[in-house]
Amino acid sequence: MKRIEELLSKRILVLDGAMGTMLQQYNFTEEDFRGERFQDWPHSLQGNNDLLSLTQPQAIAEIHEKYFEAGADIVETNTFSGTSIAMADYHMEDLVYELNFESARIAKEVAKKCTARDPQKPRFVAGSIGPTNKTASMSPDVNDPGFRAVSFEDLRLAYREQAAALIDGGVDLLLVETVFDTLNAKAALFAIEEIKEERGIEVPIMISGTITDASGRTLSGQTAESFLISVSHIPLLSIGFNCAVGASQLVPHLEVLSAKSGLAISAHPNAGLPNAFGEYDQSPEEMAAQIREYLEKNLINIVGGCCGTTPSHIRAIATLVQEFEPRQLLTPVWK
């Protein structure tokens, strides 16, 4: 199978859309989340989407397949909250390795099946590594600005466990995504580099930050350029942005990354901004029309969707990108 690095030089690759948005359509109850195995678990489990890889694996496989059928080249594992830090909310820290391994295995199985059907379009699996629900750069207590709810070492160990399980489960690359605090992301990157060195392996790494508001900065206060420079010591496949805002709002930040970096640039924005009920109304056609600006300005190499996006959105994007050549990969300007 062709390496993803080789394909990036030939065409724009398409990432999948939102796992959570698709899971909402199943209307799973508390009993569904528990399945037989966790029916006596002493804590509520509804909302723990990562757990569904163990209790509703068929649904996870169906969602992956729908995204591949819509034209995605890469699907993300169902592991956005798959760290011991995030799983502590459900008292499921001991299940982290299994959750990540099984999520990777399910996605890889579907990818192999879809690739076998159409060998000219190889399918890839990205191990989704989310930001956790804690931040290493800022205090959660306004009355104690020096306090930290989590340390770099805590994060390193948590990410190391997750990344190792994803690699063991068969992912093709790792995606450190929705980075709101670059110090958290650096812990993830450090942990991945440790694993690579110890095992003597290479694993392509994507990193994707999130711009939280109109200021154009991440939650920890970084601009697009400072975010790029902060992680430029790591050998990355791509850097980009996802979540938080709609496609049009990401344009100026993608312009900065594209101008300053020789890496592949990725974007997987939300389906517009949420309405008063927290729902995403942007249609596939409207989203694709906004993403056209990325392509006309030659800003990206990888594009997909985040919150509110469905296979219909990904199909519209996959159709659109066929009209355009990929952005050329150049040497970073400061090197």
C-alpha atoms as a PDB file:
ATOM      1  CA  MET A   1       0.000   0.000   0.000  1.00  0.00           C
ATOM      2  CA  LYS A   2       1.217   3.485  -0.812  1.00  0.00           C
ATOM      3  CA  ARG A   3       2.582   5.514   2.075  1.00  0.00           C
ATOM      4  CA  ILE A   4       0.490   8.476   3.142  1.00  0.00           C
ATOM      5  CA  GLU A   5       3.484  10.784   2.618  1.00  0.00           C
ATOM      6  CA  GLU A   6       3.593   9.746  -1.041  1.00  0.00           C
ATOM      7  CA  LEU A   7      -0.115  10.387  -1.547  1.00  0.00           C
ATOM      8  CA  LEU A   8       0.099  13.852   0.003  1.00  0.00           C
ATOM      9  CA  SER A   9       2.301  15.008  -2.870  1.00  0.00           C
ATOM     10  CA  LYS A  10      -0.241  13.803  -5.418  1.00  0.00           C
ATOM     11  CA  ARG A  11      -3.629  14.879  -4.116  1.00  0.00           C
ATOM     12  CA  ILE A  12      -5.535  16.511  -1.296  1.00  0.00           C
ATOM     13  CA  LEU A  13      -6.484  13.879   1.271  1.00  0.00           C
ATOM     14  CA  VAL A  14      -9.874  13.801   2.977  1.00  0.00           C
ATOM     15  CA  LEU A  15     -10.309  13.218   6.695  1.00  0.00           C
ATOM     16  CA  ASP A  16     -13.584  11.940   8.159  1.00  0.00           C
ATOM     17  CA  GLY A  17     -16.238  13.926  10.024  1.00  0.00           C
ATOM     18  CA  ALA A  18     -17.636  13.894  13.547  1.00  0.00           C
ATOM     19  CA  MET A  19     -17.911  10.617  15.438  1.00  0.00           C
ATOM     20  CA  GLY A  20     -20.045  12.185  18.181  1.00  0.00           C
ATOM     21  CA  THR A  21     -22.536  13.679  15.726  1.00  0.00           C
ATOM     22  CA  MET A  22     -23.059  10.284  14.138  1.00  0.00           C
ATOM     23  CA  LEU A  23     -23.366   8.472  17.473  1.00  0.00           C
ATOM     24  CA  GLN A  24     -26.146  10.855  18.532  1.00  0.00           C
ATOM     25  CA  GLN A  25     -28.273   9.428  15.722  1.00  0.00           C
ATOM     26  CA  TYR A  26     -28.265   6.027  17.449  1.00  0.00           C
ATOM     27  CA  ASN A  27     -29.933   7.485  20.575  1.00  0.00           C
ATOM     28  CA  PHE A  28     -28.032   5.083  22.813  1.00  0.00           C
ATOM     29  CA  THR A  29     -29.400   4.778  26.350  1.00  0.00           C
ATOM     30  CA  GLU A  30     -27.511   4.183  29.574  1.00  0.00           C
ATOM     31  CA  GLU A  31     -28.165   0.469  29.090  1.00  0.00           C
ATOM     32  CA  ASP A  32     -26.699   0.597  25.587  1.00  0.00           C
ATOM     33  CA  PHE A  33     -23.534   2.257  26.859  1.00  0.00           C
ATOM     34  CA  ARG A  34     -23.200  -0.386  29.566  1.00  0.00           C
ATOM     35  CA  GLY A  35     -23.847  -3.422  27.398  1.00  0.00           C
ATOM     36  CA  GLU A  36     -23.712  -6.775  29.176  1.00  0.00           C
ATOM     37  CA  ARG A  37     -20.177  -6.355  30.412  1.00  0.00           C
ATOM     38  CA  PHE A  38     -20.735  -3.149  32.389  1.00  0.00           C
ATOM     39  CA  GLN A  39     -24.365  -3.582  33.444  1.00  0.00           C
ATOM     40  CA  ASP A  40     -23.359  -3.509  37.120  1.00  0.00           C
ATOM     41  CA  TRP A  41     -20.857  -0.646  36.858  1.00  0.00           C
ATOM     42  CA  PRO A  42     -21.458   1.582  39.918  1.00  0.00           C
ATOM     43  CA  HIS A  43     -21.201   4.865  37.986  1.00  0.00           C
ATOM     44  CA  SER A  44     -23.171   6.409  35.119  1.00  0.00           C
ATOM     45  CA  LEU A  45     -21.647   5.643  31.722  1.00  0.00           C
ATOM     46  CA  GLN A  46     -23.938   7.440  29.282  1.00  0.00           C
ATOM     47  CA  GLY A  47     -21.896   9.938  27.294  1.00  0.00           C
ATOM     48  CA  ASN A  48     -18.685   7.922  27.407  1.00  0.00           C
ATOM     49  CA  ASN A  49     -18.478   7.558  23.630  1.00  0.00           C
ATOM     50  CA  ASP A  50     -15.086   5.845  23.714  1.00  0.00           C
ATOM     51  CA  LEU A  51     -16.630   2.990  25.701  1.00  0.00           C
ATOM     52  CA  LEU A  52     -18.908   2.200  22.751  1.00  0.00           C
ATOM     53  CA  SER A  53     -15.918   0.602  21.022  1.00  0.00           C
ATOM     54  CA  LEU A  54     -16.353  -2.185  23.587  1.00  0.00           C
ATOM     55  CA  THR A  55     -20.125  -2.233  24.084  1.00  0.00           C
ATOM     56  CA  GLN A  56     -21.406  -1.206  20.612  1.00  0.00           C
ATOM     57  CA  PRO A  57     -18.514  -2.041  18.259  1.00  0.00           C
ATOM     58  CA  GLN A  58     -20.800  -2.612  15.279  1.00  0.00           C
ATOM     59  CA  ALA A  59     -22.025   0.993  15.436  1.00  0.00           C
ATOM     60  CA  ILE A  60     -18.456   2.289  15.492  1.00  0.00           C
ATOM     61  CA  ALA A  61     -17.546   0.121  12.503  1.00  0.00           C
ATOM     62  CA  GLU A  62     -20.652   1.312  10.616  1.00  0.00           C
ATOM     63  CA  ILE A  63     -19.710   4.960  11.136  1.00  0.00           C
ATOM     64  CA  HIS A  64     -16.151   4.396   9.914  1.00  0.00           C
ATOM     65  CA  GLU A  65     -17.464   2.613   6.829  1.00  0.00           C
ATOM     66  CA  LYS A  66     -19.938   5.399   6.054  1.00  0.00           C
ATOM     67  CA  TYR A  67     -17.133   7.939   6.106  1.00  0.00           C
ATOM     68  CA  PHE A  68     -14.927   5.816   3.865  1.00  0.00           C
ATOM     69  CA  GLU A  69     -17.823   5.316   1.465  1.00  0.00           C
ATOM     70  CA  ALA A  70     -18.355   9.093   1.435  1.00  0.00           C
ATOM     71  CA  GLY A  71     -14.810   9.553   0.156  1.00  0.00           C
ATOM     72  CA  ALA A  72     -12.624   9.826   3.253  1.00  0.00           C
ATOM     73  CA  ASP A  73      -9.023   8.692   2.898  1.00  0.00           C
ATOM     74  CA  ILE A  74      -8.460   8.776   6.665  1.00  0.00           C
ATOM     75  CA  VAL A  75     -10.780   7.947   9.560  1.00  0.00           C
ATOM     76  CA  GLU A  76     -10.066   8.745  13.195  1.00  0.00           C
ATOM     77  CA  THR A  77     -10.328   6.150  15.934  1.00  0.00           C
ATOM     78  CA  ASN A  78     -13.082   6.514  18.522  1.00  0.00           C
ATOM     79  CA  THR A  79     -10.563   7.562  21.188  1.00  0.00           C
ATOM     80  CA  PHE A  80     -10.856  11.327  21.602  1.00  0.00           C
ATOM     81  CA  SER A  81     -11.155  10.925  25.387  1.00  0.00           C
ATOM     82  CA  GLY A  82      -9.068   7.763  25.606  1.00  0.00           C
ATOM     83  CA  THR A  83      -6.640   8.771  28.345  1.00  0.00           C
ATOM     84  CA  SER A  84      -6.630   7.791  31.995  1.00  0.00           C
ATOM     85  CA  ILE A  85      -7.067  11.499  32.826  1.00  0.00           C
ATOM     86  CA  ALA A  86     -10.305  11.810  30.848  1.00  0.00           C
ATOM     87  CA  MET A  87     -11.554   8.311  31.740  1.00  0.00           C
ATOM     88  CA  ALA A  88     -11.267   9.148  35.442  1.00  0.00           C
ATOM     89  CA  ASP A  89     -14.673  10.849  35.065  1.00  0.00           C
ATOM     90  CA  TYR A  90     -16.151   7.365  34.610  1.00  0.00           C
ATOM     91  CA  HIS A  91     -13.723   5.559  36.957  1.00  0.00           C
ATOM     92  CA  MET A  92     -12.461   3.602  33.953  1.00  0.00           C
ATOM     93  CA  GLU A  93      -8.751   4.365  34.019  1.00  0.00           C
ATOM     94  CA  ASP A  94      -7.893   0.659  33.992  1.00  0.00           C
ATOM     95  CA  LEU A  95      -9.664   0.198  30.647  1.00  0.00           C
ATOM     96  CA  VAL A  96      -7.610   2.761  28.726  1.00  0.00           C
ATOM     97  CA  TYR A  97      -5.319   0.320  26.921  1.00  0.00           C
ATOM     98  CA  GLU A  98      -8.195  -1.932  25.869  1.00  0.00           C
ATOM     99  CA  LEU A  99     -10.361   0.989  24.728  1.00  0.00           C
ATOM    100  CA  ASN A 100      -7.635   2.349  22.485  1.00  0.00           C
ATOM    101  CA  PHE A 101      -6.486  -1.016  21.178  1.00  0.00           C
ATOM    102  CA  GLU A 102     -10.013  -2.114  20.261  1.00  0.00           C
ATOM    103  CA  SER A 103     -10.892   1.244  18.717  1.00  0.00           C
ATOM    104  CA  ALA A 104      -7.793   1.040  16.529  1.00  0.00           C
ATOM    105  CA  ARG A 105      -8.487  -2.578  15.602  1.00  0.00           C
ATOM    106  CA  ILE A 106     -12.092  -1.844  14.582  1.00  0.00           C
ATOM    107  CA  ALA A 107     -11.102   1.127  12.411  1.00  0.00           C
ATOM    108  CA  LYS A 108      -8.223  -0.757  10.813  1.00  0.00           C
ATOM    109  CA  GLU A 109     -10.437  -3.721   9.990  1.00  0.00           C
ATOM    110  CA  VAL A 110     -12.885  -1.434   8.183  1.00  0.00           C
ATOM    111  CA  ALA A 111     -10.033   0.367   6.409  1.00  0.00           C
ATOM    112  CA  LYS A 112      -8.638  -2.913   5.108  1.00  0.00           C
ATOM    113  CA  LYS A 113     -12.066  -4.001   3.882  1.00  0.00           C
ATOM    114  CA  CYS A 114     -12.659  -0.722   2.032  1.00  0.00           C
ATOM    115  CA  THR A 115      -9.157  -0.714   0.544  1.00  0.00           C
ATOM    116  CA  ALA A 116      -9.638  -4.280  -0.702  1.00  0.00           C
ATOM    117  CA  ARG A 117     -12.795  -3.135  -2.484  1.00  0.00           C
ATOM    118  CA  ASP A 118     -10.959  -0.269  -4.177  1.00  0.00           C
ATOM    119  CA  PRO A 119      -7.163  -0.803  -4.090  1.00  0.00           C
ATOM    120  CA  GLN A 120      -6.582   2.415  -6.047  1.00  0.00           C
ATOM    121  CA  LYS A 121      -7.794   4.374  -3.008  1.00  0.00           C
ATOM    122  CA  PRO A 122      -5.908   3.154   0.067  1.00  0.00           C
ATOM    123  CA  ARG A 123      -7.621   3.920   3.384  1.00  0.00           C
ATOM    124  CA  PHE A 124      -5.775   5.006   6.507  1.00  0.00           C
ATOM    125  CA  VAL A 125      -6.507   5.107  10.235  1.00  0.00           C
ATOM    126  CA  ALA A 126      -5.445   7.999  12.445  1.00  0.00           C
ATOM    127  CA  GLY A 127      -5.275   7.385  16.170  1.00  0.00           C
ATOM    128  CA  SER A 128      -7.264  10.248  17.700  1.00  0.00           C
ATOM    129  CA  ILE A 129      -5.528  11.788  20.723  1.00  0.00           C
ATOM    130  CA  GLY A 130      -7.640  14.494  22.349  1.00  0.00           C
ATOM    131  CA  PRO A 131      -6.542  17.288  24.692  1.00  0.00           C
ATOM    132  CA  THR A 132      -7.934  15.732  27.935  1.00  0.00           C
ATOM    133  CA  ASN A 133     -10.225  17.732  30.202  1.00  0.00           C
ATOM    134  CA  LYS A 134      -7.379  19.416  32.109  1.00  0.00           C
ATOM    135  CA  THR A 135      -4.802  22.044  31.230  1.00  0.00           C
ATOM    136  CA  ALA A 136      -1.155  22.147  32.261  1.00  0.00           C
ATOM    137  CA  SER A 137      -0.642  25.852  31.464  1.00  0.00           C
ATOM    138  CA  MET A 138      -3.402  27.473  33.478  1.00  0.00           C
ATOM    139  CA  SER A 139      -5.065  27.213  36.858  1.00  0.00           C
ATOM    140  CA  PRO A 140      -8.705  26.125  37.031  1.00  0.00           C
ATOM    141  CA  ASP A 141      -8.989  28.200  40.233  1.00  0.00           C
ATOM    142  CA  VAL A 142      -9.107  31.979  39.719  1.00  0.00           C
ATOM    143  CA  ASN A 143      -8.198  32.442  43.368  1.00  0.00           C
ATOM    144  CA  ASP A 144      -5.017  30.368  43.019  1.00  0.00           C
ATOM    145  CA  PRO A 145      -3.290  31.185  39.737  1.00  0.00           C
ATOM    146  CA  GLY A 146      -0.289  29.007  40.583  1.00  0.00           C
ATOM    147  CA  PHE A 147      -2.345  25.836  40.976  1.00  0.00           C
ATOM    148  CA  ARG A 148      -2.316  23.184  38.253  1.00  0.00           C
ATOM    149  CA  ALA A 149      -4.844  20.353  38.021  1.00  0.00           C
ATOM    150  CA  VAL A 150      -2.399  18.236  36.037  1.00  0.00           C
ATOM    151  CA  SER A 151       1.367  18.098  35.527  1.00  0.00           C
ATOM    152  CA  PHE A 152       3.430  17.541  32.393  1.00  0.00           C
ATOM    153  CA  GLU A 153       4.488  14.176  33.828  1.00  0.00           C
ATOM    154  CA  ASP A 154       0.868  13.157  34.450  1.00  0.00           C
ATOM    155  CA  LEU A 155       0.064  13.970  30.843  1.00  0.00           C
ATOM    156  CA  ARG A 156       3.167  12.257  29.468  1.00  0.00           C
ATOM    157  CA  LEU A 157       2.300   8.990  31.185  1.00  0.00           C
ATOM    158  CA  ALA A 158      -1.370   9.175  30.158  1.00  0.00           C
ATOM    159  CA  TYR A 159      -0.563   9.915  26.524  1.00  0.00           C
ATOM    160  CA  ARG A 160       2.145   7.273  26.454  1.00  0.00           C
ATOM    161  CA  GLU A 161      -0.382   4.613  27.463  1.00  0.00           C
ATOM    162  CA  GLN A 162      -2.885   5.796  24.860  1.00  0.00           C
ATOM    163  CA  ALA A 163      -0.392   6.119  21.995  1.00  0.00           C
ATOM    164  CA  ALA A 164       1.153   2.706  22.672  1.00  0.00           C
ATOM    165  CA  ALA A 165      -2.276   1.040  22.573  1.00  0.00           C
ATOM    166  CA  LEU A 166      -3.240   2.826  19.356  1.00  0.00           C
ATOM    167  CA  ILE A 167      -0.001   1.735  17.680  1.00  0.00           C
ATOM    168  CA  ASP A 168      -0.464  -1.833  18.930  1.00  0.00           C
ATOM    169  CA  GLY A 169      -4.012  -1.769  17.544  1.00  0.00           C
ATOM    170  CA  GLY A 170      -2.729  -0.998  14.059  1.00  0.00           C
ATOM    171  CA  VAL A 171      -3.162   2.731  13.366  1.00  0.00           C
ATOM    172  CA  ASP A 172      -1.263   4.179  10.413  1.00  0.00           C
ATOM    173  CA  LEU A 173      -0.660   7.566  11.997  1.00  0.00           C
ATOM    174  CA  LEU A 174      -1.394   9.520  15.169  1.00  0.00           C
ATOM    175  CA  LEU A 175      -3.476  12.706  15.329  1.00  0.00           C
ATOM    176  CA  VAL A 176      -2.923  14.980  18.335  1.00  0.00           C
ATOM    177  CA  GLU A 177      -6.010  17.120  17.919  1.00  0.00           C
ATOM    178  CA  THR A 178      -8.106  19.967  19.296  1.00  0.00           C
ATOM    179  CA  VAL A 179      -5.036  21.382  21.039  1.00  0.00           C
ATOM    180  CA  PHE A 180      -6.154  24.221  23.287  1.00  0.00           C
ATOM    181  CA  ASP A 181      -3.042  24.101  25.488  1.00  0.00           C
ATOM    182  CA  THR A 182       0.231  23.506  23.664  1.00  0.00           C
ATOM    183  CA  LEU A 183       1.890  22.239  26.846  1.00  0.00           C
ATOM    184  CA  ASN A 184      -0.598  19.343  26.882  1.00  0.00           C
ATOM    185  CA  ALA A 185       0.233  18.666  23.234  1.00  0.00           C
ATOM    186  CA  LYS A 186       3.960  18.769  23.945  1.00  0.00           C
ATOM    187  CA  ALA A 187       3.455  16.048  26.563  1.00  0.00           C
ATOM    188  CA  ALA A 188       1.696  13.930  23.938  1.00  0.00           C
ATOM    189  CA  LEU A 189       4.417  14.541  21.364  1.00  0.00           C
ATOM    190  CA  PHE A 190       7.134  13.761  23.919  1.00  0.00           C
ATOM    191  CA  ALA A 191       5.424  10.494  24.829  1.00  0.00           C
ATOM    192  CA  ILE A 192       5.090   9.499  21.155  1.00  0.00           C
ATOM    193  CA  GLU A 193       8.751  10.248  20.494  1.00  0.00           C
ATOM    194  CA  GLU A 194       9.682   8.076  23.480  1.00  0.00           C
ATOM    195  CA  ILE A 195       7.721   5.152  22.061  1.00  0.00           C
ATOM    196  CA  LYS A 196       9.202   5.625  18.597  1.00  0.00           C
ATOM    197  CA  GLU A 197      12.737   5.634  19.979  1.00  0.00           C
ATOM    198  CA  GLU A 198      12.230   2.637  22.268  1.00  0.00           C
ATOM    199  CA  ARG A 199      10.593   0.524  19.550  1.00  0.00           C
ATOM    200  CA  GLY A 200      12.757   1.746  16.684  1.00  0.00           C
ATOM    201  CA  ILE A 201       9.701   2.660  14.631  1.00  0.00           C
ATOM    202  CA  GLU A 202       8.426   5.622  12.623  1.00  0.00           C
ATOM    203  CA  VAL A 203       4.849   6.817  13.019  1.00  0.00           C
ATOM    204  CA  PRO A 204       3.524   9.806  11.040  1.00  0.00           C
ATOM    205  CA  ILE A 205       2.136  12.472  13.385  1.00  0.00           C
ATOM    206  CA  MET A 206      -0.550  15.034  12.625  1.00  0.00           C
ATOM    207  CA  ILE A 207      -1.171  17.881  15.063  1.00  0.00           C
ATOM    208  CA  SER A 208      -4.220  20.118  15.024  1.00  0.00           C
ATOM    209  CA  GLY A 209      -4.850  23.097  17.276  1.00  0.00           C
ATOM    210  CA  THR A 210      -8.082  24.893  17.996  1.00  0.00           C
ATOM    211  CA  ILE A 211      -8.713  28.637  17.824  1.00  0.00           C
ATOM    212  CA  THR A 212     -11.145  29.348  20.620  1.00  0.00           C
ATOM    213  CA  ASP A 213     -12.555  32.778  19.761  1.00  0.00           C
ATOM    214  CA  ALA A 214     -12.323  35.889  17.577  1.00  0.00           C
ATOM    215  CA  SER A 215      -8.956  36.788  19.095  1.00  0.00           C
ATOM    216  CA  GLY A 216      -7.389  34.185  16.812  1.00  0.00           C
ATOM    217  CA  ARG A 217      -5.581  32.468  19.659  1.00  0.00           C
ATOM    218  CA  THR A 218      -5.668  29.100  21.366  1.00  0.00           C
ATOM    219  CA  LEU A 219      -7.023  28.940  24.926  1.00  0.00           C
ATOM    220  CA  SER A 220      -3.461  29.103  26.250  1.00  0.00           C
ATOM    221  CA  GLY A 221      -2.938  32.332  24.310  1.00  0.00           C
ATOM    222  CA  GLN A 222      -0.951  31.311  21.236  1.00  0.00           C
ATOM    223  CA  THR A 223      -1.356  32.694  17.740  1.00  0.00           C
ATOM    224  CA  ALA A 224      -1.166  30.360  14.754  1.00  0.00           C
ATOM    225  CA  GLU A 225       2.498  31.199  14.182  1.00  0.00           C
ATOM    226  CA  SER A 226       3.525  30.719  17.810  1.00  0.00           C
ATOM    227  CA  PHE A 227       1.676  27.396  17.901  1.00  0.00           C
ATOM    228  CA  LEU A 228       3.597  26.308  14.813  1.00  0.00           C
ATOM    229  CA  ILE A 229       6.967  27.345  16.237  1.00  0.00           C
ATOM    230  CA  SER A 230       6.214  25.674  19.587  1.00  0.00           C
ATOM    231  CA  VAL A 231       5.972  22.224  18.004  1.00  0.00           C
ATOM    232  CA  SER A 232       8.420  22.629  15.119  1.00  0.00           C
ATOM    233  CA  HIS A 233      11.120  20.602  16.899  1.00  0.00           C
ATOM    234  CA  ILE A 234       9.080  17.430  16.330  1.00  0.00           C
ATOM    235  CA  PRO A 235       9.118  15.623  12.953  1.00  0.00           C
ATOM    236  CA  LEU A 236       5.482  16.104  11.940  1.00  0.00           C
ATOM    237  CA  LEU A 237       3.473  14.978   8.938  1.00  0.00           C
ATOM    238  CA  SER A 238       1.078  17.901   9.183  1.00  0.00           C
ATOM    239  CA  ILE A 239      -0.085  20.825  11.279  1.00  0.00           C
ATOM    240  CA  GLY A 240      -3.474  22.494  11.181  1.00  0.00           C
ATOM    241  CA  PHE A 241      -6.603  23.555  13.004  1.00  0.00           C
ATOM    242  CA  ASN A 242      -9.935  21.963  13.855  1.00  0.00           C
ATOM    243  CA  CYS A 243     -13.117  22.525  15.863  1.00  0.00           C
ATOM    244  CA  ALA A 244     -14.251  25.691  17.696  1.00  0.00           C
ATOM    245  CA  VAL A 245     -15.178  27.698  14.582  1.00  0.00           C
ATOM    246  CA  GLY A 246     -16.585  27.204  11.117  1.00  0.00           C
ATOM    247  CA  ALA A 247     -14.628  26.859   7.890  1.00  0.00           C
ATOM    248  CA  SER A 248     -14.598  30.532   6.887  1.00  0.00           C
ATOM    249  CA  GLN A 249     -13.258  31.690  10.267  1.00  0.00           C
ATOM    250  CA  LEU A 250     -10.198  29.459   9.902  1.00  0.00           C
ATOM    251  CA  VAL A 251      -8.947  31.029   6.664  1.00  0.00           C
ATOM    252  CA  PRO A 252      -6.570  33.671   8.122  1.00  0.00           C
ATOM    253  CA  HIS A 253      -5.010  31.132  10.496  1.00  0.00           C
ATOM    254  CA  LEU A 254      -4.500  28.569   7.741  1.00  0.00           C
ATOM    255  CA  GLU A 255      -2.903  31.317   5.641  1.00  0.00           C
ATOM    256  CA  VAL A 256      -0.325  31.850   8.389  1.00  0.00           C
ATOM    257  CA  LEU A 257       0.486  28.141   8.681  1.00  0.00           C
ATOM    258  CA  SER A 258       0.663  27.691   4.921  1.00  0.00           C
ATOM    259  CA  ALA A 259       3.014  30.653   4.497  1.00  0.00           C
ATOM    260  CA  LYS A 260       5.294  29.774   7.411  1.00  0.00           C
ATOM    261  CA  SER A 261       5.533  25.990   7.226  1.00  0.00           C
ATOM    262  CA  GLY A 262       6.803  23.400   4.803  1.00  0.00           C
ATOM    263  CA  LEU A 263       4.662  20.749   6.470  1.00  0.00           C
ATOM    264  CA  ALA A 264       1.367  19.503   5.102  1.00  0.00           C
ATOM    265  CA  ILE A 265      -1.482  21.723   6.353  1.00  0.00           C
ATOM    266  CA  SER A 266      -4.724  20.226   7.639  1.00  0.00           C
ATOM    267  CA  ALA A 267      -8.143  21.630   8.494  1.00  0.00           C
ATOM    268  CA  HIS A 268     -11.234  19.952   9.863  1.00  0.00           C
ATOM    269  CA  PRO A 269     -13.616  22.717  10.958  1.00  0.00           C
ATOM    270  CA  ASN A 270     -17.079  22.485  12.448  1.00  0.00           C
ATOM    271  CA  ALA A 271     -20.206  22.648  10.301  1.00  0.00           C
ATOM    272  CA  GLY A 272     -20.462  26.368  10.961  1.00  0.00           C
ATOM    273  CA  LEU A 273     -21.089  27.858  14.385  1.00  0.00           C
ATOM    274  CA  PRO A 274     -23.615  26.296  16.799  1.00  0.00           C
ATOM    275  CA  ASN A 275     -27.086  27.804  17.038  1.00  0.00           C
ATOM    276  CA  ALA A 276     -28.852  28.799  20.256  1.00  0.00           C
ATOM    277  CA  PHE A 277     -29.502  25.132  21.008  1.00  0.00           C
ATOM    278  CA  GLY A 278     -25.892  24.075  20.454  1.00  0.00           C
ATOM    279  CA  GLU A 279     -26.740  22.409  17.148  1.00  0.00           C
ATOM    280  CA  TYR A 280     -24.937  22.786  13.841  1.00  0.00           C
ATOM    281  CA  ASP A 281     -27.115  23.851  10.933  1.00  0.00           C
ATOM    282  CA  GLN A 282     -24.631  24.288   8.102  1.00  0.00           C
ATOM    283  CA  SER A 283     -25.473  22.103   5.134  1.00  0.00           C
ATOM    284  CA  PRO A 284     -22.870  20.032   3.254  1.00  0.00           C
ATOM    285  CA  GLU A 285     -23.186  22.408   0.294  1.00  0.00           C
ATOM    286  CA  GLU A 286     -22.659  25.507   2.440  1.00  0.00           C
ATOM    287  CA  MET A 287     -19.637  23.998   4.165  1.00  0.00           C
ATOM    288  CA  ALA A 288     -18.066  22.865   0.890  1.00  0.00           C
ATOM    289  CA  ALA A 289     -18.575  26.361  -0.547  1.00  0.00           C
ATOM    290  CA  GLN A 290     -16.591  27.843   2.334  1.00  0.00           C
ATOM    291  CA  ILE A 291     -13.851  25.210   2.071  1.00  0.00           C
ATOM    292  CA  ARG A 292     -13.484  26.088  -1.611  1.00  0.00           C
ATOM    293  CA  GLU A 293     -11.632  29.219  -0.438  1.00  0.00           C
ATOM    294  CA  TYR A 294      -8.942  27.012   1.162  1.00  0.00           C
ATOM    295  CA  LEU A 295      -8.459  25.268  -2.148  1.00  0.00           C
ATOM    296  CA  GLU A 296      -8.534  28.352  -4.340  1.00  0.00           C
ATOM    297  CA  LYS A 297      -5.859  29.902  -2.113  1.00  0.00           C
ATOM    298  CA  ASN A 298      -3.872  26.650  -2.122  1.00  0.00           C
ATOM    299  CA  LEU A 299      -3.728  26.496   1.678  1.00  0.00           C
ATOM    300  CA  ILE A 300      -4.233  22.836   2.588  1.00  0.00           C
ATOM    301  CA  ASN A 301      -3.221  19.236   1.994  1.00  0.00           C
ATOM    302  CA  ILE A 302      -5.711  17.446   4.280  1.00  0.00           C
ATOM    303  CA  VAL A 303      -9.319  18.479   4.916  1.00  0.00           C
ATOM    304  CA  GLY A 304     -12.288  17.021   6.769  1.00  0.00           C
ATOM    305  CA  GLY A 305     -14.912  17.925   9.334  1.00  0.00           C
ATOM    306  CA  CYS A 306     -15.353  18.262  13.075  1.00  0.00           C
ATOM    307  CA  CYS A 307     -18.483  18.954  15.168  1.00  0.00           C
ATOM    308  CA  GLY A 308     -21.765  18.694  13.284  1.00  0.00           C
ATOM    309  CA  THR A 309     -20.302  17.092  10.183  1.00  0.00           C
ATOM    310  CA  THR A 310     -21.669  13.867   8.708  1.00  0.00           C
ATOM    311  CA  PRO A 311     -20.857  11.592   5.755  1.00  0.00           C
ATOM    312  CA  SER A 312     -22.890  13.981   3.585  1.00  0.00           C
ATOM    313  CA  HIS A 313     -20.513  16.819   4.475  1.00  0.00           C
ATOM    314  CA  ILE A 314     -17.484  14.637   3.787  1.00  0.00           C
ATOM    315  CA  ARG A 315     -18.943  13.515   0.444  1.00  0.00           C
ATOM    316  CA  ALA A 316     -19.382  17.147  -0.619  1.00  0.00           C
ATOM    317  CA  ILE A 317     -15.803  17.944   0.437  1.00  0.00           C
ATOM    318  CA  ALA A 318     -14.377  14.834  -1.253  1.00  0.00           C
ATOM    319  CA  THR A 319     -16.098  15.777  -4.504  1.00  0.00           C
ATOM    320  CA  LEU A 320     -14.824  19.346  -4.275  1.00  0.00           C
ATOM    321  CA  VAL A 321     -11.144  18.543  -3.675  1.00  0.00           C
ATOM    322  CA  GLN A 322     -10.935  16.527  -6.887  1.00  0.00           C
ATOM    323  CA  GLU A 323     -10.979  19.824  -8.780  1.00  0.00           C
ATOM    324  CA  PHE A 324      -7.766  21.066  -7.149  1.00  0.00           C
ATOM    325  CA  GLU A 325      -4.074  20.230  -6.951  1.00  0.00           C
ATOM    326  CA  PRO A 326      -2.493  19.742  -3.507  1.00  0.00           C
ATOM    327  CA  ARG A 327      -0.464  22.518  -1.899  1.00  0.00           C
ATOM    328  CA  GLN A 328       3.233  22.010  -2.506  1.00  0.00           C
ATOM    329  CA  LEU A 329       5.358  21.088   0.488  1.00  0.00           C
ATOM    330  CA  LEU A 330       8.246  23.520   0.940  1.00  0.00           C
ATOM    331  CA  THR A 331      11.056  24.163   3.416  1.00  0.00           C
ATOM    332  CA  PRO A 332       9.969  26.192   6.484  1.00  0.00           C
ATOM    333  CA  VAL A 333      11.012  29.828   6.088  1.00  0.00           C
ATOM    334  CA  TRP A 334      13.020  29.971   9.323  1.00  0.00           C
ATOM    335  CA  LYS A 335      15.238  26.998   8.465  1.00  0.00           C
END
